[in-house]
Amino acid sequence: MHRNRHTETLELGTLERQLLNDFQHHLPLTPTPYADIAQKLGTTEDAVLAALHELQGAGAVSRVGAVFRTHRVGASTLAAMAVPPERLEEVAALVSGYDAVNHNYEREHRINLWFVATAADEKQLTQVLEDIEQRSGIAVMALPMLEDFHIDLGFELKWT
């Protein structure tokens, strides 16, 4: 992978493209998942780990890890905030700083910052949301799941 520091765009090599596209799902559930990925891609575990570290450092990957079905392990909720546009980057960074938040994103709406928070139990989840609210000074709206829909969040990436 090569980063063009002038434009902050990433030029991805074959390994990085394969990691981003081919392993959005089905991370090997073995004691050595990265070695298993490396074997499938014909490279080394060190090369896979280095590429993932580089992608994470460049902001192309926020995290690599398991995502558990809601309510099967711990507690989770979708949450949303109405953040003044001039504070959106600041508050998004604050929210992303919590280990309990597995992703956040902007929506074009008055309620413009959305995120999913998870915790070991409801008490910890409530504490995280209250802490975000207190630190940001902005109300957090918890929107717990009422009905389970099976949505595949993987995306077929196209390279230009």
Foldseek 3Di string as FASTA:
>chain_A
DDADVVVLDDDDDPLLLCCQAVVPDCQDPDPQSLQVVCVVVVHGSVVSVVSVVVCCVSVVDVDDDDDDDAPPAFHKFKKWWQDDPVCVVVLLVVLSPDPQWPDWAADPDSRTIITMGGDRYPVVRVVSQVVSCVVVVTHMGTGHDDDDDDDDPHDRDDDD
